[in-house]
Amino acid sequence: MSAPLHVAGAAPALRENVAAAPPTMSATAHRPLWAAALLIGLVAALALSAKAGLEWRREASRALALGAPGGLYSVQLLNGQVYYGTLLEARPGSVKLGDVYYTQTFVQPDGRQANRVVSRKKNDWHGPEWQVIANDKILMVEAVGAQSQLARLIAQDKSAAPVR
């Protein structure tokens, strides 16, 4: 028999009972409690993951709150590209622009750099009438002022004779 456990302030008979007392539950008796706790934790983690996934999907499919169709907008993409165009639709998950333009940097004859506004319809080999941009690719959307330099350049390009 092992040495008795000494409990401070306890009577000698109690000390012997404490030392001789067998364990009340074996290690295997705790296994169902651990299994149940693990199962509850897994179910909770799956439920939270599903809720987060649904929330992400709902946010990704929400239409951007833009103005009425027909206005001129600047759309900056996550990769740094910027497109300018007339808003045709703001659908859940995407924005549709018409008369799409972008800027292009070039070197002037005197060696200085400058930018020009380029029409995708006139200059891209396939002459797109419109462009659809996924909302998850968009960093920022801004309305272009009607009297801005960009709006004047686009109006000037639209009034020019088409390039053949």
Protein backbone atom coordinates (compact mmCIF):
# COMPACT_ATOMS: atom_id res chain seq x y z
CA MET A 1 0.00 0.00 0.00
CA SER A 2 1.24 3.52 -0.76
CA ALA A 3 2.06 6.10 1.84
CA PRO A 4 -1.00 7.86 3.18
CA LEU A 5 -1.82 11.31 1.86
CA HIS A 6 -1.46 13.96 4.56
CA VAL A 7 -4.15 16.58 4.54
CA ALA A 8 -3.39 19.52 6.82
CA GLY A 9 -5.85 19.87 9.68
CA ALA A 10 -7.70 16.63 8.87
CA ALA A 11 -8.37 13.92 11.41
CA PRO A 12 -6.15 10.79 11.16
CA ALA A 13 -9.09 8.58 10.06
CA LEU A 14 -9.95 11.00 7.24
CA ARG A 15 -6.33 11.00 6.09
CA GLU A 16 -6.42 7.21 5.66
CA ASN A 17 -9.72 7.35 3.73
CA VAL A 18 -8.34 9.96 1.36
CA ALA A 19 -5.24 7.86 0.70
CA ALA A 20 -7.17 4.64 0.13
CA ALA A 21 -10.03 6.08 -1.93
CA PRO A 22 -10.13 4.63 -5.46
CA PRO A 23 -10.69 6.96 -8.42
CA THR A 24 -14.40 7.53 -9.01
CA MET A 25 -14.27 7.62 -12.86
CA SER A 26 -11.86 5.90 -15.14
CA ALA A 27 -10.17 7.67 -18.08
CA THR A 28 -12.45 5.83 -20.50
CA ALA A 29 -15.55 7.19 -18.77
CA HIS A 30 -14.54 10.77 -19.86
CA ARG A 31 -14.27 9.80 -23.55
CA PRO A 32 -17.98 10.31 -24.39
CA LEU A 33 -17.84 13.82 -22.90
CA TRP A 34 -14.80 14.74 -25.02
CA ALA A 35 -16.35 13.24 -28.15
CA ALA A 36 -19.56 15.18 -27.58
CA ALA A 37 -17.66 18.44 -26.99
CA LEU A 38 -15.59 17.86 -30.13
CA LEU A 39 -18.72 17.12 -32.18
CA ILE A 40 -20.46 20.25 -30.91
CA GLY A 41 -17.36 22.33 -31.72
CA LEU A 42 -17.18 20.92 -35.26
CA VAL A 43 -20.87 21.56 -35.90
CA ALA A 44 -20.52 25.14 -34.62
CA ALA A 45 -17.44 25.73 -36.82
CA LEU A 46 -19.25 24.38 -39.89
CA ALA A 47 -22.30 26.53 -39.16
CA LEU A 48 -20.16 29.67 -38.80
CA SER A 49 -18.26 28.85 -42.00
CA ALA A 50 -21.50 28.37 -43.92
CA LYS A 51 -22.90 31.65 -42.58
CA ALA A 52 -19.70 33.52 -43.52
CA GLY A 53 -19.76 32.00 -47.01
CA LEU A 54 -23.38 33.00 -47.56
CA GLU A 55 -22.70 36.53 -46.32
CA TRP A 56 -19.69 36.85 -48.65
CA ARG A 57 -21.77 35.62 -51.59
CA ARG A 58 -24.59 38.03 -50.76
CA GLU A 59 -22.16 40.96 -50.55
CA ALA A 60 -20.45 39.96 -53.83
CA SER A 61 -23.77 39.79 -55.66
CA ARG A 62 -25.07 43.14 -54.40
CA ALA A 63 -25.42 45.81 -57.08
CA LEU A 64 -23.27 48.89 -56.59
CA ALA A 65 -25.31 51.93 -55.62
CA LEU A 66 -24.58 54.19 -58.58
CA GLY A 67 -26.55 56.99 -60.15
CA ALA A 68 -29.06 56.71 -62.95
CA PRO A 69 -27.95 55.07 -66.19
CA GLY A 70 -26.63 57.51 -68.78
CA GLY A 71 -24.07 59.29 -66.59
CA LEU A 72 -20.33 59.24 -67.25
CA TYR A 73 -18.35 57.21 -64.71
CA SER A 74 -14.74 56.39 -63.91
CA VAL A 75 -14.18 52.76 -62.84
CA GLN A 76 -10.83 51.89 -61.27
CA LEU A 77 -10.01 48.19 -61.13
CA LEU A 78 -7.98 46.40 -58.48
CA ASN A 79 -5.13 45.93 -60.98
CA GLY A 80 -4.82 49.71 -61.51
CA GLN A 81 -6.61 49.98 -64.86
CA VAL A 82 -9.14 52.79 -65.16
CA TYR A 83 -12.04 52.81 -67.61
CA TYR A 84 -14.39 55.70 -68.34
CA GLY A 85 -17.79 55.16 -69.84
CA THR A 86 -21.50 55.75 -69.85
CA LEU A 87 -23.30 53.70 -67.22
CA LEU A 88 -25.72 51.33 -68.92
CA GLU A 89 -26.53 49.02 -65.99
CA ALA A 90 -25.48 48.34 -62.41
CA ARG A 91 -26.50 44.72 -61.94
CA PRO A 92 -25.90 42.47 -58.96
CA GLY A 93 -22.33 41.33 -59.45
CA SER A 94 -21.33 43.64 -62.32
CA VAL A 95 -21.38 47.07 -63.92
CA LYS A 96 -22.02 47.57 -67.63
CA LEU A 97 -20.45 50.57 -69.38
CA GLY A 98 -21.00 51.84 -72.92
CA ASP A 99 -18.73 54.12 -75.01
CA VAL A 100 -15.74 52.95 -72.98
CA TYR A 101 -12.49 54.94 -72.92
CA TYR A 102 -9.14 54.59 -71.20
CA THR A 103 -6.07 56.80 -71.00
CA GLN A 104 -2.81 56.04 -72.72
CA THR A 105 0.56 57.62 -72.00
CA PHE A 106 2.67 58.70 -74.98
CA VAL A 107 5.78 60.78 -75.66
CA GLN A 108 5.26 64.07 -77.50
CA PRO A 109 7.69 65.17 -80.28
CA ASP A 110 9.43 67.48 -77.80
CA GLY A 111 10.13 64.50 -75.47
CA ARG A 112 7.51 65.27 -72.78
CA GLN A 113 5.08 62.60 -71.64
CA ALA A 114 1.37 63.20 -72.09
CA ASN A 115 -1.88 61.26 -71.83
CA ARG A 116 -4.55 60.77 -74.44
CA VAL A 117 -8.07 59.44 -74.14
CA VAL A 118 -8.56 56.31 -76.26
CA SER A 119 -11.94 54.93 -77.36
CA ARG A 120 -12.18 51.16 -77.12
CA LYS A 121 -14.89 51.19 -79.79
CA LYS A 122 -12.69 53.05 -82.27
CA ASN A 123 -9.27 51.62 -81.39
CA ASP A 124 -9.64 48.06 -80.11
CA TRP A 125 -9.56 45.53 -82.95
CA HIS A 126 -13.02 44.15 -82.08
CA GLY A 127 -14.69 47.57 -81.50
CA PRO A 128 -16.71 46.71 -78.37
CA GLU A 129 -20.03 48.51 -77.94
CA TRP A 130 -20.02 47.95 -74.17
CA GLN A 131 -17.96 46.41 -71.39
CA VAL A 132 -19.11 44.44 -68.34
CA ILE A 133 -16.90 44.62 -65.24
CA ALA A 134 -17.36 42.25 -62.29
CA ASN A 135 -17.90 44.03 -58.97
CA ASP A 136 -15.20 41.96 -57.26
CA LYS A 137 -12.64 43.45 -59.69
CA ILE A 138 -13.66 47.07 -58.95
CA LEU A 139 -11.70 49.16 -56.46
CA MET A 140 -13.58 52.43 -56.89
CA VAL A 141 -16.31 54.07 -59.00
CA GLU A 142 -16.69 57.83 -59.37
CA ALA A 143 -19.04 60.03 -61.35
CA VAL A 144 -17.20 62.17 -63.90
CA GLY A 145 -18.16 65.85 -63.78
CA ALA A 146 -19.97 67.10 -66.88
CA GLN A 147 -17.61 70.10 -67.15
CA SER A 148 -14.40 68.18 -66.40
CA GLN A 149 -11.50 68.04 -68.83
CA LEU A 150 -12.12 64.30 -69.32
CA ALA A 151 -15.80 64.86 -70.19
CA ARG A 152 -14.82 67.55 -72.72
CA LEU A 153 -12.20 65.27 -74.32
CA ILE A 154 -14.69 62.41 -74.62
CA ALA A 155 -17.35 64.72 -76.10
CA GLN A 156 -14.77 66.03 -78.56
CA ASP A 157 -13.82 62.46 -79.57
CA LYS A 158 -17.48 61.47 -80.04
CA SER A 159 -18.12 64.47 -82.31
CA ALA A 160 -15.04 63.69 -84.46
CA ALA A 161 -15.45 61.71 -87.66
CA PRO A 162 -15.02 57.95 -87.13
CA VAL A 163 -11.62 56.54 -87.98
CA ARG A 164 -11.68 54.07 -90.89
